[in-house]
């Protein structure tokens, strides 16, 4: 039985609501459009059964509602309603600003997802909207930054030849939010098979290499997560890459290397080891056959005693 809170059903209810309220009549007045739509979104959120709450929060509801709104607005383009890229950009900017004043996340999410849907398969549209996209990528709210990644994920999927040069620019930014925007947007997710192909991802690995000593933990964590994901698809390639990074940094591999502090080995080496340790989490847990290779990169204690969650050397278990 299909859930009453499935994306498809929420999409259909959104279309019906938009038709009933004639939302397109308020397209030129984003604040009024928002005021009419917000109670509907809250109603949809409150209607999610308790047992389905996990995974069906405001982001889920907004994404499904935007699918419905997009279909509804497209159906109105033949009625002389101005639905240009500029009008969508203006609409999203105004709704986001209005929502921020009211501290209303539902509407902020909606403004981002709606514009992302409009530029989804159009690299020229992405470039036109880039200034606004980067503002969202640098927002103080981490959820806004996460949702802004939708633009990069679409770009990686539909027009990688346009998104990769931009990602290189962001990776060179002095702003850690933008550097992280590049690395996180290039993680190998479903729908972007080329990122998981060892024959096609060298350009991404070069970008990650550029950030291997990054001073921001926020960025380093994203770099390591990207590499960790890649170890699922190309473990030998990533292990070889990490070993080369460690060697090039002049790091001497000792059994206790994973526990070295910044004071002991210096800032750059410590930052690189931070990335290496976290990048190896999947292999540590899932690929015991590769543990001997891992020990040549990070030392034997990483496999034998290192507690990745606590990020400290765990006590050696008693033999009793």
Foldseek 3Di string as FASTA:
>chain_A
DDDCLDLVNLLVVLLVLCVVVVLLVCLVPLVVSCVSCVVVLVVSQVPDDPVRNVPCHLLNSLLSSLNNVVVNVVVCVVVVRDDDLVSLLVSLVVQLVVCVVVVNVSSPSNSLSNNCVVCLQPLVSCVVNVVVLVCQLQDPDVVSVVSSLSNLLSCLQRPVVNNLVVLLVQCPDPDLSSVQSSLQSLADDPNNVQSLDPVRNVSSVVSLLSCLLPPDPSNLLSSLVSLLSNCVRCVVVSLVVLQVSCVVVVHDQEQCQLADDCVRPHRRNVSNSLSLLSNCPCCLPPPPVCLVSSCSRRHNQSNQAQDVVVSHGHDHDDPD
